[in-house]
Amino acid sequence: MLAADLLPQTITPYLTLMIIGFAFGILGHLYKSKLVVGIGILMIFAATVLLPLALVATEDEPASDPDILAPGTR
């Protein structure tokens, strides 16, 4: 579980990254800077991808769906 050790266990860093990304996006639009808007979009994307990854990586046991049947058991 190397990924679980690297990613933060709380939601605060991800929300902070997302809020800063939105701030970068807003400032980029105000100053008409495509680079700053792009950085903001990348920050928001990173926060939304890393948060679910962290949640899955830190689970002790993967969730199993009782409605999913093994192949050939219907």
PDB file of N, CA and C in Angstrom:
ATOM      1  N   MET A   1       0.824  -1.194   0.000  1.00  0.00           N
ATOM      2  CA  MET A   1       0.000   0.000   0.000  1.00  0.00           C
ATOM      3  C   MET A   1       0.871   1.262   0.000  1.00  0.00           C
ATOM      4  N   LEU A   2       1.706   1.400  -0.979  1.00  0.00           N
ATOM      5  CA  LEU A   2       2.566   2.572  -1.076  1.00  0.00           C
ATOM      6  C   LEU A   2       1.756   3.830  -1.336  1.00  0.00           C
ATOM      7  N   ALA A   3       0.708   3.752  -2.158  1.00  0.00           N
ATOM      8  CA  ALA A   3      -0.127   4.922  -2.456  1.00  0.00           C
ATOM      9  C   ALA A   3      -0.828   5.416  -1.203  1.00  0.00           C
ATOM     10  N   ALA A   4      -1.270   4.513  -0.360  1.00  0.00           N
ATOM     11  CA  ALA A   4      -1.963   4.906   0.867  1.00  0.00           C
ATOM     12  C   ALA A   4      -1.032   5.660   1.806  1.00  0.00           C
ATOM     13  N   ASP A   5       0.250   5.325   1.781  1.00  0.00           N
ATOM     14  CA  ASP A   5       1.200   6.016   2.652  1.00  0.00           C
ATOM     15  C   ASP A   5       1.524   7.411   2.141  1.00  0.00           C
ATOM     16  N   LEU A   6       1.452   7.624   0.833  1.00  0.00           N
ATOM     17  CA  LEU A   6       1.809   8.916   0.248  1.00  0.00           C
ATOM     18  C   LEU A   6       0.674   9.933   0.287  1.00  0.00           C
ATOM     19  N   LEU A   7      -0.565   9.484   0.198  1.00  0.00           N
ATOM     20  CA  LEU A   7      -1.699  10.398   0.117  1.00  0.00           C
ATOM     21  C   LEU A   7      -2.206  10.762   1.507  1.00  0.00           C
ATOM     22  N   PRO A   8      -2.599  12.019   1.700  1.00  0.00           N
ATOM     23  CA  PRO A   8      -3.144  12.434   2.998  1.00  0.00           C
ATOM     24  C   PRO A   8      -4.436  11.682   3.322  1.00  0.00           C
ATOM     25  N   GLN A   9      -4.673  11.447   4.604  1.00  0.00           N
ATOM     26  CA  GLN A   9      -5.825  10.680   5.050  1.00  0.00           C
ATOM     27  C   GLN A   9      -7.072  11.538   5.262  1.00  0.00           C
ATOM     28  N   THR A  10      -6.932  12.872   5.300  1.00  0.00           N
ATOM     29  CA  THR A  10      -8.072  13.745   5.540  1.00  0.00           C
ATOM     30  C   THR A  10      -8.463  14.465   4.253  1.00  0.00           C
ATOM     31  N   ILE A  11      -9.647  15.059   4.254  1.00  0.00           N
ATOM     32  CA  ILE A  11     -10.161  15.734   3.070  1.00  0.00           C
ATOM     33  C   ILE A  11      -9.625  17.165   2.948  1.00  0.00           C
ATOM     34  N   THR A  12      -9.094  17.717   4.014  1.00  0.00           N
ATOM     35  CA  THR A  12      -8.660  19.122   4.041  1.00  0.00           C
ATOM     36  C   THR A  12      -7.653  19.476   2.945  1.00  0.00           C
ATOM     37  N   PRO A  13      -6.597  18.700   2.712  1.00  0.00           N
ATOM     38  CA  PRO A  13      -5.652  19.087   1.646  1.00  0.00           C
ATOM     39  C   PRO A  13      -6.286  19.106   0.261  1.00  0.00           C
ATOM     40  N   TYR A  14      -7.224  18.212   0.019  1.00  0.00           N
ATOM     41  CA  TYR A  14      -7.865  18.153  -1.292  1.00  0.00           C
ATOM     42  C   TYR A  14      -8.807  19.338  -1.497  1.00  0.00           C
ATOM     43  N   LEU A  15      -9.557  19.688  -0.455  1.00  0.00           N
ATOM     44  CA  LEU A  15     -10.428  20.858  -0.556  1.00  0.00           C
ATOM     45  C   LEU A  15      -9.612  22.134  -0.715  1.00  0.00           C
ATOM     46  N   THR A  16      -8.496  22.216  -0.004  1.00  0.00           N
ATOM     47  CA  THR A  16      -7.625  23.377  -0.126  1.00  0.00           C
ATOM     48  C   THR A  16      -7.068  23.492  -1.538  1.00  0.00           C
ATOM     49  N   LEU A  17      -6.617  22.382  -2.094  1.00  0.00           N
ATOM     50  CA  LEU A  17      -6.104  22.381  -3.461  1.00  0.00           C
ATOM     51  C   LEU A  17      -7.183  22.787  -4.452  1.00  0.00           C
ATOM     52  N   MET A  18      -8.407  22.320  -4.249  1.00  0.00           N
ATOM     53  CA  MET A  18      -9.494  22.662  -5.148  1.00  0.00           C
ATOM     54  C   MET A  18      -9.855  24.145  -5.050  1.00  0.00           C
ATOM     55  N   ILE A  19      -9.903  24.686  -3.844  1.00  0.00           N
ATOM     56  CA  ILE A  19     -10.230  26.106  -3.655  1.00  0.00           C
ATOM     57  C   ILE A  19      -9.142  26.984  -4.268  1.00  0.00           C
ATOM     58  N   ILE A  20      -7.895  26.620  -4.058  1.00  0.00           N
ATOM     59  CA  ILE A  20      -6.792  27.388  -4.661  1.00  0.00           C
ATOM     60  C   ILE A  20      -6.860  27.289  -6.184  1.00  0.00           C
ATOM     61  N   GLY A  21      -7.236  26.126  -6.704  1.00  0.00           N
ATOM     62  CA  GLY A  21      -7.397  25.967  -8.145  1.00  0.00           C
ATOM     63  C   GLY A  21      -8.478  26.874  -8.702  1.00  0.00           C
ATOM     64  N   PHE A  22      -9.601  26.974  -7.991  1.00  0.00           N
ATOM     65  CA  PHE A  22     -10.657  27.893  -8.421  1.00  0.00           C
ATOM     66  C   PHE A  22     -10.172  29.343  -8.364  1.00  0.00           C
ATOM     67  N   ALA A  23      -9.407  29.680  -7.328  1.00  0.00           N
ATOM     68  CA  ALA A  23      -8.865  31.037  -7.223  1.00  0.00           C
ATOM     69  C   ALA A  23      -7.923  31.331  -8.391  1.00  0.00           C
ATOM     70  N   PHE A  24      -7.079  30.365  -8.752  1.00  0.00           N
ATOM     71  CA  PHE A  24      -6.192  30.539  -9.907  1.00  0.00           C
ATOM     72  C   PHE A  24      -7.005  30.731 -11.182  1.00  0.00           C
ATOM     73  N   GLY A  25      -8.059  29.945 -11.328  1.00  0.00           N
ATOM     74  CA  GLY A  25      -8.902  30.065 -12.510  1.00  0.00           C
ATOM     75  C   GLY A  25      -9.563  31.434 -12.606  1.00  0.00           C
ATOM     76  N   ILE A  26     -10.068  31.919 -11.493  1.00  0.00           N
ATOM     77  CA  ILE A  26     -10.711  33.236 -11.474  1.00  0.00           C
ATOM     78  C   ILE A  26      -9.699  34.328 -11.791  1.00  0.00           C
ATOM     79  N   LEU A  27      -8.535  34.275 -11.146  1.00  0.00           N
ATOM     80  CA  LEU A  27      -7.500  35.282 -11.415  1.00  0.00           C
ATOM     81  C   LEU A  27      -7.013  35.210 -12.855  1.00  0.00           C
ATOM     82  N   GLY A  28      -6.905  34.007 -13.392  1.00  0.00           N
ATOM     83  CA  GLY A  28      -6.487  33.849 -14.776  1.00  0.00           C
ATOM     84  C   GLY A  28      -7.480  34.472 -15.743  1.00  0.00           C
ATOM     85  N   HIS A  29      -8.765  34.315 -15.444  1.00  0.00           N
ATOM     86  CA  HIS A  29      -9.780  34.937 -16.294  1.00  0.00           C
ATOM     87  C   HIS A  29      -9.770  36.458 -16.148  1.00  0.00           C
ATOM     88  N   LEU A  30      -9.556  36.940 -14.933  1.00  0.00           N
ATOM     89  CA  LEU A  30      -9.519  38.396 -14.723  1.00  0.00           C
ATOM     90  C   LEU A  30      -8.349  39.040 -15.457  1.00  0.00           C
ATOM     91  N   TYR A  31      -7.190  38.369 -15.427  1.00  0.00           N
ATOM     92  CA  TYR A  31      -5.997  38.918 -16.077  1.00  0.00           C
ATOM     93  C   TYR A  31      -5.790  38.383 -17.493  1.00  0.00           C
ATOM     94  N   LYS A  32      -6.762  37.594 -17.973  1.00  0.00           N
ATOM     95  CA  LYS A  32      -6.722  37.039 -19.330  1.00  0.00           C
ATOM     96  C   LYS A  32      -5.434  36.244 -19.595  1.00  0.00           C
ATOM     97  N   SER A  33      -5.069  35.426 -18.628  1.00  0.00           N
ATOM     98  CA  SER A  33      -3.875  34.603 -18.737  1.00  0.00           C
ATOM     99  C   SER A  33      -4.289  33.135 -18.888  1.00  0.00           C
ATOM    100  N   LYS A  34      -4.071  32.588 -20.073  1.00  0.00           N
ATOM    101  CA  LYS A  34      -4.432  31.194 -20.317  1.00  0.00           C
ATOM    102  C   LYS A  34      -3.591  30.241 -19.478  1.00  0.00           C
ATOM    103  N   LEU A  35      -2.356  30.614 -19.215  1.00  0.00           N
ATOM    104  CA  LEU A  35      -1.476  29.768 -18.409  1.00  0.00           C
ATOM    105  C   LEU A  35      -2.014  29.619 -16.983  1.00  0.00           C
ATOM    106  N   VAL A  36      -2.426  30.717 -16.383  1.00  0.00           N
ATOM    107  CA  VAL A  36      -2.926  30.672 -15.001  1.00  0.00           C
ATOM    108  C   VAL A  36      -4.254  29.920 -14.950  1.00  0.00           C
ATOM    109  N   VAL A  37      -5.101  30.098 -15.948  1.00  0.00           N
ATOM    110  CA  VAL A  37      -6.362  29.342 -16.007  1.00  0.00           C
ATOM    111  C   VAL A  37      -6.057  27.855 -16.127  1.00  0.00           C
ATOM    112  N   GLY A  38      -5.098  27.500 -16.964  1.00  0.00           N
ATOM    113  CA  GLY A  38      -4.716  26.100 -17.122  1.00  0.00           C
ATOM    114  C   GLY A  38      -4.176  25.497 -15.840  1.00  0.00           C
ATOM    115  N   ILE A  39      -3.370  26.270 -15.124  1.00  0.00           N
ATOM    116  CA  ILE A  39      -2.844  25.783 -13.837  1.00  0.00           C
ATOM    117  C   ILE A  39      -3.991  25.554 -12.859  1.00  0.00           C
ATOM    118  N   GLY A  40      -4.958  26.461 -12.848  1.00  0.00           N
ATOM    119  CA  GLY A  40      -6.130  26.293 -11.980  1.00  0.00           C
ATOM    120  C   GLY A  40      -6.919  25.051 -12.325  1.00  0.00           C
ATOM    121  N   ILE A  41      -7.112  24.811 -13.618  1.00  0.00           N
ATOM    122  CA  ILE A  41      -7.843  23.612 -14.048  1.00  0.00           C
ATOM    123  C   ILE A  41      -7.089  22.352 -13.641  1.00  0.00           C
ATOM    124  N   LEU A  42      -5.770  22.354 -13.810  1.00  0.00           N
ATOM    125  CA  LEU A  42      -4.973  21.190 -13.404  1.00  0.00           C
ATOM    126  C   LEU A  42      -5.046  20.957 -11.898  1.00  0.00           C
ATOM    127  N   MET A  43      -5.062  22.027 -11.123  1.00  0.00           N
ATOM    128  CA  MET A  43      -5.154  21.879  -9.662  1.00  0.00           C
ATOM    129  C   MET A  43      -6.505  21.284  -9.264  1.00  0.00           C
ATOM    130  N   ILE A  44      -7.580  21.761  -9.890  1.00  0.00           N
ATOM    131  CA  ILE A  44      -8.914  21.229  -9.592  1.00  0.00           C
ATOM    132  C   ILE A  44      -8.985  19.767 -10.002  1.00  0.00           C
ATOM    133  N   PHE A  45      -8.470  19.447 -11.183  1.00  0.00           N
ATOM    134  CA  PHE A  45      -8.470  18.060 -11.662  1.00  0.00           C
ATOM    135  C   PHE A  45      -7.660  17.169 -10.725  1.00  0.00           C
ATOM    136  N   ALA A  46      -6.502  17.641 -10.296  1.00  0.00           N
ATOM    137  CA  ALA A  46      -5.668  16.845  -9.387  1.00  0.00           C
ATOM    138  C   ALA A  46      -6.406  16.575  -8.079  1.00  0.00           C
ATOM    139  N   ALA A  47      -7.097  17.588  -7.563  1.00  0.00           N
ATOM    140  CA  ALA A  47      -7.821  17.399  -6.306  1.00  0.00           C
ATOM    141  C   ALA A  47      -8.957  16.396  -6.476  1.00  0.00           C
ATOM    142  N   THR A  48      -9.665  16.458  -7.603  1.00  0.00           N
ATOM    143  CA  THR A  48     -10.802  15.558  -7.789  1.00  0.00           C
ATOM    144  C   THR A  48     -10.372  14.140  -8.149  1.00  0.00           C
ATOM    145  N   VAL A  49      -9.172  13.973  -8.666  1.00  0.00           N
ATOM    146  CA  VAL A  49      -8.672  12.626  -8.967  1.00  0.00           C
ATOM    147  C   VAL A  49      -7.997  12.026  -7.742  1.00  0.00           C
ATOM    148  N   LEU A  50      -7.226  12.816  -7.028  1.00  0.00           N
ATOM    149  CA  LEU A  50      -6.483  12.295  -5.882  1.00  0.00           C
ATOM    150  C   LEU A  50      -7.386  11.952  -4.698  1.00  0.00           C
ATOM    151  N   LEU A  51      -8.473  12.706  -4.507  1.00  0.00           N
ATOM    152  CA  LEU A  51      -9.358  12.417  -3.375  1.00  0.00           C
ATOM    153  C   LEU A  51      -9.977  11.025  -3.478  1.00  0.00           C
ATOM    154  N   PRO A  52     -10.618  10.662  -4.590  1.00  0.00           N
ATOM    155  CA  PRO A  52     -11.153   9.293  -4.655  1.00  0.00           C
ATOM    156  C   PRO A  52     -10.058   8.223  -4.606  1.00  0.00           C
ATOM    157  N   LEU A  53      -8.916   8.518  -5.206  1.00  0.00           N
ATOM    158  CA  LEU A  53      -7.806   7.571  -5.153  1.00  0.00           C
ATOM    159  C   LEU A  53      -7.362   7.351  -3.711  1.00  0.00           C
ATOM    160  N   ALA A  54      -7.284   8.416  -2.947  1.00  0.00           N
ATOM    161  CA  ALA A  54      -6.899   8.297  -1.543  1.00  0.00           C
ATOM    162  C   ALA A  54      -7.943   7.518  -0.750  1.00  0.00           C
ATOM    163  N   LEU A  55      -9.212   7.760  -1.037  1.00  0.00           N
ATOM    164  CA  LEU A  55     -10.264   7.043  -0.320  1.00  0.00           C
ATOM    165  C   LEU A  55     -10.217   5.545  -0.613  1.00  0.00           C
ATOM    166  N   VAL A  56      -9.991   5.186  -1.858  1.00  0.00           N
ATOM    167  CA  VAL A  56      -9.924   3.772  -2.229  1.00  0.00           C
ATOM    168  C   VAL A  56      -8.657   3.136  -1.675  1.00  0.00           C
ATOM    169  N   ALA A  57      -7.545   3.848  -1.748  1.00  0.00           N
ATOM    170  CA  ALA A  57      -6.269   3.283  -1.329  1.00  0.00           C
ATOM    171  C   ALA A  57      -6.186   3.087   0.180  1.00  0.00           C
ATOM    172  N   THR A  58      -6.931   3.880   0.950  1.00  0.00           N
ATOM    173  CA  THR A  58      -6.837   3.779   2.400  1.00  0.00           C
ATOM    174  C   THR A  58      -7.909   2.880   3.010  1.00  0.00           C
ATOM    175  N   GLU A  59      -8.797   2.315   2.184  1.00  0.00           N
ATOM    176  CA  GLU A  59      -9.792   1.384   2.711  1.00  0.00           C
ATOM    177  C   GLU A  59      -9.107   0.089   3.125  1.00  0.00           C
ATOM    178  N   ASP A  60      -9.545  -0.446   4.254  1.00  0.00           N
ATOM    179  CA  ASP A  60      -8.980  -1.713   4.715  1.00  0.00           C
ATOM    180  C   ASP A  60      -9.425  -2.869   3.830  1.00  0.00           C
ATOM    181  N   GLU A  61     -10.710  -2.859   3.489  1.00  0.00           N
ATOM    182  CA  GLU A  61     -11.272  -3.937   2.698  1.00  0.00           C
ATOM    183  C   GLU A  61     -12.123  -3.330   1.590  1.00  0.00           C
ATOM    184  N   PRO A  62     -11.927  -3.710   0.348  1.00  0.00           N
ATOM    185  CA  PRO A  62     -12.747  -3.154  -0.728  1.00  0.00           C
ATOM    186  C   PRO A  62     -14.217  -3.498  -0.533  1.00  0.00           C
ATOM    187  N   ALA A  63     -15.067  -2.570  -0.898  1.00  0.00           N
ATOM    188  CA  ALA A  63     -16.505  -2.801  -0.775  1.00  0.00           C
ATOM    189  C   ALA A  63     -16.940  -3.826  -1.813  1.00  0.00           C
ATOM    190  N   SER A  64     -17.781  -4.748  -1.381  1.00  0.00           N
ATOM    191  CA  SER A  64     -18.294  -5.749  -2.320  1.00  0.00           C
ATOM    192  C   SER A  64     -19.787  -5.523  -2.494  1.00  0.00           C
ATOM    193  N   ASP A  65     -20.236  -5.621  -3.721  1.00  0.00           N
ATOM    194  CA  ASP A  65     -21.641  -5.438  -4.043  1.00  0.00           C
ATOM    195  C   ASP A  65     -22.321  -6.803  -4.031  1.00  0.00           C
ATOM    196  N   PRO A  66     -23.320  -6.994  -3.177  1.00  0.00           N
ATOM    197  CA  PRO A  66     -23.966  -8.313  -3.103  1.00  0.00           C
ATOM    198  C   PRO A  66     -24.748  -8.647  -4.372  1.00  0.00           C
ATOM    199  N   ASP A  67     -25.068  -7.643  -5.204  1.00  0.00           N
ATOM    200  CA  ASP A  67     -25.841  -7.901  -6.423  1.00  0.00           C
ATOM    201  C   ASP A  67     -24.952  -8.424  -7.553  1.00  0.00           C
ATOM    202  N   ILE A  68     -23.656  -8.334  -7.406  1.00  0.00           N
ATOM    203  CA  ILE A  68     -22.756  -8.809  -8.449  1.00  0.00           C
ATOM    204  C   ILE A  68     -22.514 -10.304  -8.225  1.00  0.00           C
ATOM    205  N   LEU A  69     -22.830 -11.065  -9.248  1.00  0.00           N
ATOM    206  CA  LEU A  69     -22.685 -12.512  -9.160  1.00  0.00           C
ATOM    207  C   LEU A  69     -21.448 -12.947  -9.929  1.00  0.00           C
ATOM    208  N   ALA A  70     -20.877 -14.026  -9.507  1.00  0.00           N
ATOM    209  CA  ALA A  70     -19.735 -14.589 -10.214  1.00  0.00           C
ATOM    210  C   ALA A  70     -20.189 -15.087 -11.576  1.00  0.00           C
ATOM    211  N   PRO A  71     -19.316 -15.089 -12.556  1.00  0.00           N
ATOM    212  CA  PRO A  71     -19.699 -15.553 -13.894  1.00  0.00           C
ATOM    213  C   PRO A  71     -20.224 -16.999 -13.867  1.00  0.00           C
ATOM    214  N   GLY A  72     -21.337 -17.215 -14.537  1.00  0.00           N
ATOM    215  CA  GLY A  72     -21.902 -18.560 -14.635  1.00  0.00           C
ATOM    216  C   GLY A  72     -22.748 -18.982 -13.444  1.00  0.00           C
ATOM    217  N   THR A  73     -23.074 -18.073 -12.502  1.00  0.00           N
ATOM    218  CA  THR A  73     -23.843 -18.454 -11.305  1.00  0.00           C
ATOM    219  C   THR A  73     -25.281 -17.979 -11.354  1.00  0.00           C
ATOM    220  N   ARG A  74     -25.756 -17.519 -12.473  1.00  0.00           N
ATOM    221  CA  ARG A  74     -27.142 -17.040 -12.542  1.00  0.00           C
ATOM    222  C   ARG A  74     -28.098 -18.163 -12.659  1.00  0.00           C
TER     223      ARG A  74
END
